[in-house]
Amino acid sequence: TAGVAAAAAFAGLSLSPRLHGLGGYAAHFVLLPALAGARVLVWSAESRRLAGFLASGVLLGLAFIVKQSGGAFVLFGAVYTLLRSALPVAGGSWPSRLAPTIVLLAGAMLPYAALCLLLAWAGVFASFWFWTAVYASQYGSALTLANGITLFFGRAAELLVTSWALAALAAVGVTALFWDAEARRRRDFVLLFALGSLAGTSAGLYFRNQYFLLLVPAVALLAGVAADALARRCAGAP
């Protein structure tokens, strides 16, 4: 139920003209490796296989290669892995508990390191560094927090005109993570993923319409959680 509802919500939101969903922006291409990396991360956290954490890190690192804001998904993966590894049930010493996080971060660095070496070999690393680091840092710090907050609420109001129902369902999904027993099992993952998506959307504080595409999977996932929890509640399940 949660999966079908989330997929339907994602389809509806991502096709919205207000989000430029039918265009071809970098945010579209960030989502593919980011979502694949998140899915592999869930499997890795359950199986505790280091190879899975490495693969998840590589995929999340590819999201950063597409656009710097994709780095928020790397942060999400690292924090989630660190929290899961720190649980007492993980067993073992602290070095062994930290191993999954270290492996994931190493995997995330591999695509970027490979790209840097390739561009250095091609003799264009200086230009690459200027446009992706120097210029990007100046561009991303041009707005003040007050400007960013104003832009966020203005843009959110514009987008909610056509998506308020799904946004309301997603808000119910946030509450369901606390009152629904089944939803609580995935609470850490869903909340951290939503926060990572919001961080990616907020990069630079410009909040252009297409930037909100990074938030669409999290909103859709929360809407799916709400639909699943409400279905159980209506059926009389705990």
C-alpha atoms as a PDB file:
ATOM      1  CA  THR A   1       0.000   0.000   0.000  1.00  0.00           C
ATOM      2  CA  ALA A   2       2.746   2.422   0.968  1.00  0.00           C
ATOM      3  CA  GLY A   3       4.743   1.692  -2.178  1.00  0.00           C
ATOM      4  CA  VAL A   4       1.821   2.072  -4.586  1.00  0.00           C
ATOM      5  CA  ALA A   5       0.619   5.267  -2.901  1.00  0.00           C
ATOM      6  CA  ALA A   6       4.155   6.716  -2.887  1.00  0.00           C
ATOM      7  CA  ALA A   7       4.644   5.863  -6.574  1.00  0.00           C
ATOM      8  CA  ALA A   8       1.336   7.518  -7.479  1.00  0.00           C
ATOM      9  CA  ALA A   9       2.221  10.609  -5.439  1.00  0.00           C
ATOM     10  CA  PHE A  10       5.654  10.798  -7.063  1.00  0.00           C
ATOM     11  CA  ALA A  11       4.132  10.528 -10.552  1.00  0.00           C
ATOM     12  CA  GLY A  12       1.664  13.290  -9.859  1.00  0.00           C
ATOM     13  CA  LEU A  13       4.170  15.645  -8.259  1.00  0.00           C
ATOM     14  CA  SER A  14       7.061  15.109 -10.654  1.00  0.00           C
ATOM     15  CA  LEU A  15       4.892  15.824 -13.704  1.00  0.00           C
ATOM     16  CA  SER A  16       3.761  19.170 -12.340  1.00  0.00           C
ATOM     17  CA  PRO A  17       4.520  22.081 -14.705  1.00  0.00           C
ATOM     18  CA  ARG A  18       5.049  24.277 -11.634  1.00  0.00           C
ATOM     19  CA  LEU A  19       8.029  22.093 -10.740  1.00  0.00           C
ATOM     20  CA  HIS A  20       9.230  22.098 -14.363  1.00  0.00           C
ATOM     21  CA  GLY A  21       8.785  18.348 -14.089  1.00  0.00           C
ATOM     22  CA  LEU A  22       8.572  17.910 -17.863  1.00  0.00           C
ATOM     23  CA  GLY A  23      11.890  19.677 -18.415  1.00  0.00           C
ATOM     24  CA  GLY A  24      15.396  18.296 -18.161  1.00  0.00           C
ATOM     25  CA  TYR A  25      17.070  19.930 -15.181  1.00  0.00           C
ATOM     26  CA  ALA A  26      20.035  18.641 -13.195  1.00  0.00           C
ATOM     27  CA  ALA A  27      17.713  17.833 -10.298  1.00  0.00           C
ATOM     28  CA  HIS A  28      16.051  15.131 -12.410  1.00  0.00           C
ATOM     29  CA  PHE A  29      19.364  13.380 -12.906  1.00  0.00           C
ATOM     30  CA  VAL A  30      20.430  13.742  -9.267  1.00  0.00           C
ATOM     31  CA  LEU A  31      17.423  11.685  -8.214  1.00  0.00           C
ATOM     32  CA  LEU A  32      18.258   8.508 -10.128  1.00  0.00           C
ATOM     33  CA  PRO A  33      21.558   7.637  -8.378  1.00  0.00           C
ATOM     34  CA  ALA A  34      20.358   9.184  -5.098  1.00  0.00           C
ATOM     35  CA  LEU A  35      17.258   6.973  -4.921  1.00  0.00           C
ATOM     36  CA  ALA A  36      19.202   3.920  -6.052  1.00  0.00           C
ATOM     37  CA  GLY A  37      21.791   4.625  -3.364  1.00  0.00           C
ATOM     38  CA  ALA A  38      19.089   5.028  -0.725  1.00  0.00           C
ATOM     39  CA  ARG A  39      17.501   1.719  -1.718  1.00  0.00           C
ATOM     40  CA  VAL A  40      20.831  -0.116  -1.568  1.00  0.00           C
ATOM     41  CA  LEU A  41      21.462   1.524   1.808  1.00  0.00           C
ATOM     42  CA  VAL A  42      18.275   0.024   3.240  1.00  0.00           C
ATOM     43  CA  TRP A  43      19.341  -3.417   2.046  1.00  0.00           C
ATOM     44  CA  SER A  44      22.859  -2.912   3.406  1.00  0.00           C
ATOM     45  CA  ALA A  45      21.621  -1.797   6.824  1.00  0.00           C
ATOM     46  CA  GLU A  46      19.579  -4.993   7.053  1.00  0.00           C
ATOM     47  CA  SER A  47      22.230  -7.384   5.719  1.00  0.00           C
ATOM     48  CA  ARG A  48      25.243  -5.630   7.325  1.00  0.00           C
ATOM     49  CA  ARG A  49      27.361  -6.334   4.234  1.00  0.00           C
ATOM     50  CA  LEU A  50      30.180  -3.850   3.697  1.00  0.00           C
ATOM     51  CA  ALA A  51      30.008  -4.339  -0.067  1.00  0.00           C
ATOM     52  CA  GLY A  52      26.480  -2.978   0.037  1.00  0.00           C
ATOM     53  CA  PHE A  53      27.577   0.139   1.909  1.00  0.00           C
ATOM     54  CA  LEU A  54      30.334   0.642  -0.649  1.00  0.00           C
ATOM     55  CA  ALA A  55      27.855   0.352  -3.539  1.00  0.00           C
ATOM     56  CA  SER A  56      25.441   2.717  -1.809  1.00  0.00           C
ATOM     57  CA  GLY A  57      28.246   5.225  -1.291  1.00  0.00           C
ATOM     58  CA  VAL A  58      29.257   5.089  -4.959  1.00  0.00           C
ATOM     59  CA  LEU A  59      25.666   5.730  -6.057  1.00  0.00           C
ATOM     60  CA  LEU A  60      25.217   8.599  -3.622  1.00  0.00           C
ATOM     61  CA  GLY A  61      28.571   9.979  -4.760  1.00  0.00           C
ATOM     62  CA  LEU A  62      27.322   9.945  -8.346  1.00  0.00           C
ATOM     63  CA  ALA A  63      24.423  12.152  -7.230  1.00  0.00           C
ATOM     64  CA  PHE A  64      27.010  14.673  -6.040  1.00  0.00           C
ATOM     65  CA  ILE A  65      28.810  14.431  -9.391  1.00  0.00           C
ATOM     66  CA  VAL A  66      25.603  15.418 -11.189  1.00  0.00           C
ATOM     67  CA  LYS A  67      25.145  18.511  -9.004  1.00  0.00           C
ATOM     68  CA  GLN A  68      26.707  19.720  -5.770  1.00  0.00           C
ATOM     69  CA  SER A  69      23.343  19.752  -3.987  1.00  0.00           C
ATOM     70  CA  GLY A  70      23.355  15.961  -4.376  1.00  0.00           C
ATOM     71  CA  GLY A  71      25.959  15.940  -1.625  1.00  0.00           C
ATOM     72  CA  ALA A  72      23.059  16.273   0.840  1.00  0.00           C
ATOM     73  CA  PHE A  73      22.169  12.658   0.051  1.00  0.00           C
ATOM     74  CA  VAL A  74      25.722  11.587   0.890  1.00  0.00           C
ATOM     75  CA  LEU A  75      25.301  13.295   4.264  1.00  0.00           C
ATOM     76  CA  PHE A  76      21.970  11.528   4.751  1.00  0.00           C
ATOM     77  CA  GLY A  77      23.552   8.157   4.014  1.00  0.00           C
ATOM     78  CA  ALA A  78      26.476   8.773   6.357  1.00  0.00           C
ATOM     79  CA  VAL A  79      24.292   9.920   9.276  1.00  0.00           C
ATOM     80  CA  TYR A  80      21.822   7.057   8.827  1.00  0.00           C
ATOM     81  CA  THR A  81      24.621   4.485   8.627  1.00  0.00           C
ATOM     82  CA  LEU A  82      26.372   5.963  11.653  1.00  0.00           C
ATOM     83  CA  LEU A  83      23.186   5.875  13.740  1.00  0.00           C
ATOM     84  CA  ARG A  84      22.387   2.303  12.732  1.00  0.00           C
ATOM     85  CA  SER A  85      25.952   1.169  13.404  1.00  0.00           C
ATOM     86  CA  ALA A  86      26.007   2.827  16.818  1.00  0.00           C
ATOM     87  CA  LEU A  87      23.075   0.768  18.087  1.00  0.00           C
ATOM     88  CA  PRO A  88      23.965  -1.780  20.775  1.00  0.00           C
ATOM     89  CA  VAL A  89      22.452  -4.567  18.681  1.00  0.00           C
ATOM     90  CA  ALA A  90      25.171  -3.987  16.124  1.00  0.00           C
ATOM     91  CA  GLY A  91      27.666  -5.631  18.476  1.00  0.00           C
ATOM     92  CA  GLY A  92      31.420  -5.472  18.225  1.00  0.00           C
ATOM     93  CA  SER A  93      33.889  -2.723  19.055  1.00  0.00           C
ATOM     94  CA  TRP A  94      33.543   0.908  18.041  1.00  0.00           C
ATOM     95  CA  PRO A  95      36.012   0.556  15.134  1.00  0.00           C
ATOM     96  CA  SER A  96      33.916  -2.269  13.728  1.00  0.00           C
ATOM     97  CA  ARG A  97      30.728  -0.265  14.231  1.00  0.00           C
ATOM     98  CA  LEU A  98      32.217   2.696  12.374  1.00  0.00           C
ATOM     99  CA  ALA A  99      33.368   0.522   9.471  1.00  0.00           C
ATOM    100  CA  PRO A 100      30.060   0.749   7.495  1.00  0.00           C
ATOM    101  CA  THR A 101      30.085   4.571   7.660  1.00  0.00           C
ATOM    102  CA  ILE A 102      33.742   4.743   6.632  1.00  0.00           C
ATOM    103  CA  VAL A 103      33.142   2.359   3.735  1.00  0.00           C
ATOM    104  CA  LEU A 104      30.088   4.336   2.580  1.00  0.00           C
ATOM    105  CA  LEU A 105      32.004   7.628   2.643  1.00  0.00           C
ATOM    106  CA  ALA A 106      34.922   6.020   0.812  1.00  0.00           C
ATOM    107  CA  GLY A 107      32.514   4.799  -1.853  1.00  0.00           C
ATOM    108  CA  ALA A 108      31.004   8.287  -2.139  1.00  0.00           C
ATOM    109  CA  MET A 109      34.459   9.768  -2.721  1.00  0.00           C
ATOM    110  CA  LEU A 110      35.386   7.322  -5.488  1.00  0.00           C
ATOM    111  CA  PRO A 111      33.400   8.924  -8.360  1.00  0.00           C
ATOM    112  CA  TYR A 112      34.651  12.403  -7.471  1.00  0.00           C
ATOM    113  CA  ALA A 113      38.260  11.264  -7.098  1.00  0.00           C
ATOM    114  CA  ALA A 114      38.090   9.428 -10.425  1.00  0.00           C
ATOM    115  CA  LEU A 115      36.644  12.508 -12.132  1.00  0.00           C
ATOM    116  CA  CYS A 116      39.350  14.772 -10.661  1.00  0.00           C
ATOM    117  CA  LEU A 117      42.088  12.424 -11.873  1.00  0.00           C
ATOM    118  CA  LEU A 118      40.534  12.212 -15.325  1.00  0.00           C
ATOM    119  CA  LEU A 119      40.259  15.993 -15.679  1.00  0.00           C
ATOM    120  CA  ALA A 120      43.771  16.502 -14.313  1.00  0.00           C
ATOM    121  CA  TRP A 121      45.048  14.049 -16.929  1.00  0.00           C
ATOM    122  CA  ALA A 122      43.117  16.031 -19.580  1.00  0.00           C
ATOM    123  CA  GLY A 123      44.734  19.264 -18.343  1.00  0.00           C
ATOM    124  CA  VAL A 124      41.484  21.061 -17.447  1.00  0.00           C
ATOM    125  CA  PHE A 125      41.349  20.526 -13.695  1.00  0.00           C
ATOM    126  CA  ALA A 126      41.876  24.235 -12.928  1.00  0.00           C
ATOM    127  CA  SER A 127      38.774  25.202 -14.911  1.00  0.00           C
ATOM    128  CA  PHE A 128      36.810  22.359 -13.350  1.00  0.00           C
ATOM    129  CA  TRP A 129      37.775  23.456  -9.836  1.00  0.00           C
ATOM    130  CA  PHE A 130      36.902  27.080 -10.531  1.00  0.00           C
ATOM    131  CA  TRP A 131      33.389  26.382 -11.820  1.00  0.00           C
ATOM    132  CA  THR A 132      32.476  23.627  -9.364  1.00  0.00           C
ATOM    133  CA  ALA A 133      34.192  24.872  -6.186  1.00  0.00           C
ATOM    134  CA  VAL A 134      35.310  28.505  -6.294  1.00  0.00           C
ATOM    135  CA  TYR A 135      32.415  29.915  -8.324  1.00  0.00           C
ATOM    136  CA  ALA A 136      29.893  27.557  -6.732  1.00  0.00           C
ATOM    137  CA  SER A 137      30.893  28.597  -3.206  1.00  0.00           C
ATOM    138  CA  GLN A 138      30.452  32.280  -4.078  1.00  0.00           C
ATOM    139  CA  TYR A 139      27.151  31.623  -5.842  1.00  0.00           C
ATOM    140  CA  GLY A 140      25.868  29.514  -2.970  1.00  0.00           C
ATOM    141  CA  SER A 141      26.656  32.101  -0.295  1.00  0.00           C
ATOM    142  CA  ALA A 142      25.334  35.222  -2.041  1.00  0.00           C
ATOM    143  CA  LEU A 143      21.919  35.210  -0.322  1.00  0.00           C
ATOM    144  CA  THR A 144      21.301  35.835   3.358  1.00  0.00           C
ATOM    145  CA  LEU A 145      19.232  33.474   5.503  1.00  0.00           C
ATOM    146  CA  ALA A 146      16.447  36.059   5.672  1.00  0.00           C
ATOM    147  CA  ASN A 147      16.357  36.278   1.864  1.00  0.00           C
ATOM    148  CA  GLY A 148      16.272  32.488   1.658  1.00  0.00           C
ATOM    149  CA  ILE A 149      13.366  32.171   4.094  1.00  0.00           C
ATOM    150  CA  THR A 150      11.389  34.752   2.141  1.00  0.00           C
ATOM    151  CA  LEU A 151      12.063  32.951  -1.132  1.00  0.00           C
ATOM    152  CA  PHE A 152      11.150  29.574   0.388  1.00  0.00           C
ATOM    153  CA  PHE A 153       7.725  30.612   1.643  1.00  0.00           C
ATOM    154  CA  GLY A 154       6.964  32.497  -1.545  1.00  0.00           C
ATOM    155  CA  ARG A 155       7.892  29.557  -3.744  1.00  0.00           C
ATOM    156  CA  ALA A 156       6.214  27.007  -1.488  1.00  0.00           C
ATOM    157  CA  ALA A 157       2.953  28.969  -1.601  1.00  0.00           C
ATOM    158  CA  GLU A 158       3.140  28.963  -5.394  1.00  0.00           C
ATOM    159  CA  LEU A 159       3.755  25.223  -5.585  1.00  0.00           C
ATOM    160  CA  LEU A 160       1.110  24.289  -3.003  1.00  0.00           C
ATOM    161  CA  VAL A 161      -1.652  25.738  -5.180  1.00  0.00           C
ATOM    162  CA  THR A 162      -1.689  22.498  -7.179  1.00  0.00           C
ATOM    163  CA  SER A 163      -0.202  20.045  -4.663  1.00  0.00           C
ATOM    164  CA  TRP A 164      -1.714  20.979  -1.312  1.00  0.00           C
ATOM    165  CA  ALA A 165      -3.613  17.690  -0.976  1.00  0.00           C
ATOM    166  CA  LEU A 166      -0.480  15.553  -1.331  1.00  0.00           C
ATOM    167  CA  ALA A 167       1.429  17.930   0.933  1.00  0.00           C
ATOM    168  CA  ALA A 168      -1.282  17.540   3.577  1.00  0.00           C
ATOM    169  CA  LEU A 169      -1.120  13.746   3.212  1.00  0.00           C
ATOM    170  CA  ALA A 170       2.661  13.896   3.614  1.00  0.00           C
ATOM    171  CA  ALA A 171       2.186  15.939   6.815  1.00  0.00           C
ATOM    172  CA  VAL A 172      -0.052  13.157   8.112  1.00  0.00           C
ATOM    173  CA  GLY A 173       2.737  10.755   7.168  1.00  0.00           C
ATOM    174  CA  VAL A 174       5.140  12.627   9.444  1.00  0.00           C
ATOM    175  CA  THR A 175       2.766  12.147  12.380  1.00  0.00           C
ATOM    176  CA  ALA A 176       2.181   8.484  11.440  1.00  0.00           C
ATOM    177  CA  LEU A 177       5.879   7.824  12.017  1.00  0.00           C
ATOM    178  CA  PHE A 178       5.084   8.283  15.712  1.00  0.00           C
ATOM    179  CA  TRP A 179       1.600   6.786  16.191  1.00  0.00           C
ATOM    180  CA  ASP A 180       1.679   3.859  13.738  1.00  0.00           C
ATOM    181  CA  ALA A 181       3.670   0.798  14.852  1.00  0.00           C
ATOM    182  CA  GLU A 182       4.608  -0.315  11.329  1.00  0.00           C
ATOM    183  CA  ALA A 183       5.695   3.178  10.264  1.00  0.00           C
ATOM    184  CA  ARG A 184       7.863   3.547  13.382  1.00  0.00           C
ATOM    185  CA  ARG A 185      10.060   0.698  12.141  1.00  0.00           C
ATOM    186  CA  ARG A 186      11.290   2.948   9.288  1.00  0.00           C
ATOM    187  CA  ARG A 187      11.088   6.267  11.117  1.00  0.00           C
ATOM    188  CA  ASP A 188      14.815   6.995  11.256  1.00  0.00           C
ATOM    189  CA  PHE A 189      15.304   6.307   7.553  1.00  0.00           C
ATOM    190  CA  VAL A 190      12.254   8.285   6.384  1.00  0.00           C
ATOM    191  CA  LEU A 191      12.927  11.324   8.569  1.00  0.00           C
ATOM    192  CA  LEU A 192      16.634  11.478   7.730  1.00  0.00           C
ATOM    193  CA  PHE A 193      15.887  11.027   4.024  1.00  0.00           C
ATOM    194  CA  ALA A 194      13.347  13.864   4.182  1.00  0.00           C
ATOM    195  CA  LEU A 195      15.825  16.124   5.982  1.00  0.00           C
ATOM    196  CA  GLY A 196      18.526  15.277   3.433  1.00  0.00           C
ATOM    197  CA  SER A 197      16.147  16.066   0.589  1.00  0.00           C
ATOM    198  CA  LEU A 198      15.226  19.374   2.210  1.00  0.00           C
ATOM    199  CA  ALA A 199      18.915  20.205   2.637  1.00  0.00           C
ATOM    200  CA  GLY A 200      19.538  19.518  -1.046  1.00  0.00           C
ATOM    201  CA  THR A 201      16.574  21.690  -2.011  1.00  0.00           C
ATOM    202  CA  SER A 202      17.855  24.480   0.241  1.00  0.00           C
ATOM    203  CA  ALA A 203      21.401  24.594  -1.169  1.00  0.00           C
ATOM    204  CA  GLY A 204      22.204  28.220  -1.949  1.00  0.00           C
ATOM    205  CA  LEU A 205      18.796  29.344  -0.586  1.00  0.00           C
ATOM    206  CA  TYR A 206      17.570  30.239  -4.091  1.00  0.00           C
ATOM    207  CA  PHE A 207      14.600  27.836  -4.023  1.00  0.00           C
ATOM    208  CA  ARG A 208      13.915  27.839  -7.736  1.00  0.00           C
ATOM    209  CA  ASN A 209      10.957  25.723  -8.779  1.00  0.00           C
ATOM    210  CA  GLN A 210      12.980  22.808 -10.130  1.00  0.00           C
ATOM    211  CA  TYR A 211      15.054  22.623  -6.951  1.00  0.00           C
ATOM    212  CA  PHE A 212      11.963  21.246  -5.199  1.00  0.00           C
ATOM    213  CA  LEU A 213      12.208  18.143  -7.397  1.00  0.00           C
ATOM    214  CA  LEU A 214      14.798  16.890  -4.889  1.00  0.00           C
ATOM    215  CA  LEU A 215      12.077  16.990  -2.240  1.00  0.00           C
ATOM    216  CA  VAL A 216       9.468  15.124  -4.295  1.00  0.00           C
ATOM    217  CA  PRO A 217      10.591  11.545  -3.404  1.00  0.00           C
ATOM    218  CA  ALA A 218      10.527  12.355   0.314  1.00  0.00           C
ATOM    219  CA  VAL A 219       7.072  13.950   0.087  1.00  0.00           C
ATOM    220  CA  ALA A 220       5.830  10.986  -1.949  1.00  0.00           C
ATOM    221  CA  LEU A 221       7.298   8.533   0.560  1.00  0.00           C
ATOM    222  CA  LEU A 222       5.611  10.318   3.459  1.00  0.00           C
ATOM    223  CA  ALA A 223       2.322  10.319   1.543  1.00  0.00           C
ATOM    224  CA  GLY A 224       2.718   6.560   1.079  1.00  0.00           C
ATOM    225  CA  VAL A 225       3.400   6.114   4.793  1.00  0.00           C
ATOM    226  CA  ALA A 226       0.222   8.076   5.565  1.00  0.00           C
ATOM    227  CA  ALA A 227      -1.925   6.046   3.169  1.00  0.00           C
ATOM    228  CA  ASP A 228      -0.630   2.785   4.598  1.00  0.00           C
ATOM    229  CA  ALA A 229      -1.083   3.861   8.222  1.00  0.00           C
ATOM    230  CA  LEU A 230      -4.568   5.273   7.629  1.00  0.00           C
ATOM    231  CA  ALA A 231      -5.608   2.080   5.808  1.00  0.00           C
ATOM    232  CA  ARG A 232      -4.547   0.015   8.822  1.00  0.00           C
ATOM    233  CA  ARG A 233      -6.267   2.368  11.233  1.00  0.00           C
ATOM    234  CA  CYS A 234      -9.529   2.219   9.235  1.00  0.00           C
ATOM    235  CA  ALA A 235      -9.281  -1.581   9.198  1.00  0.00           C
ATOM    236  CA  GLY A 236      -8.936  -1.605  12.960  1.00  0.00           C
ATOM    237  CA  ALA A 237      -5.323  -2.803  12.979  1.00  0.00           C
ATOM    238  CA  PRO A 238      -3.003  -1.485  15.741  1.00  0.00           C
END
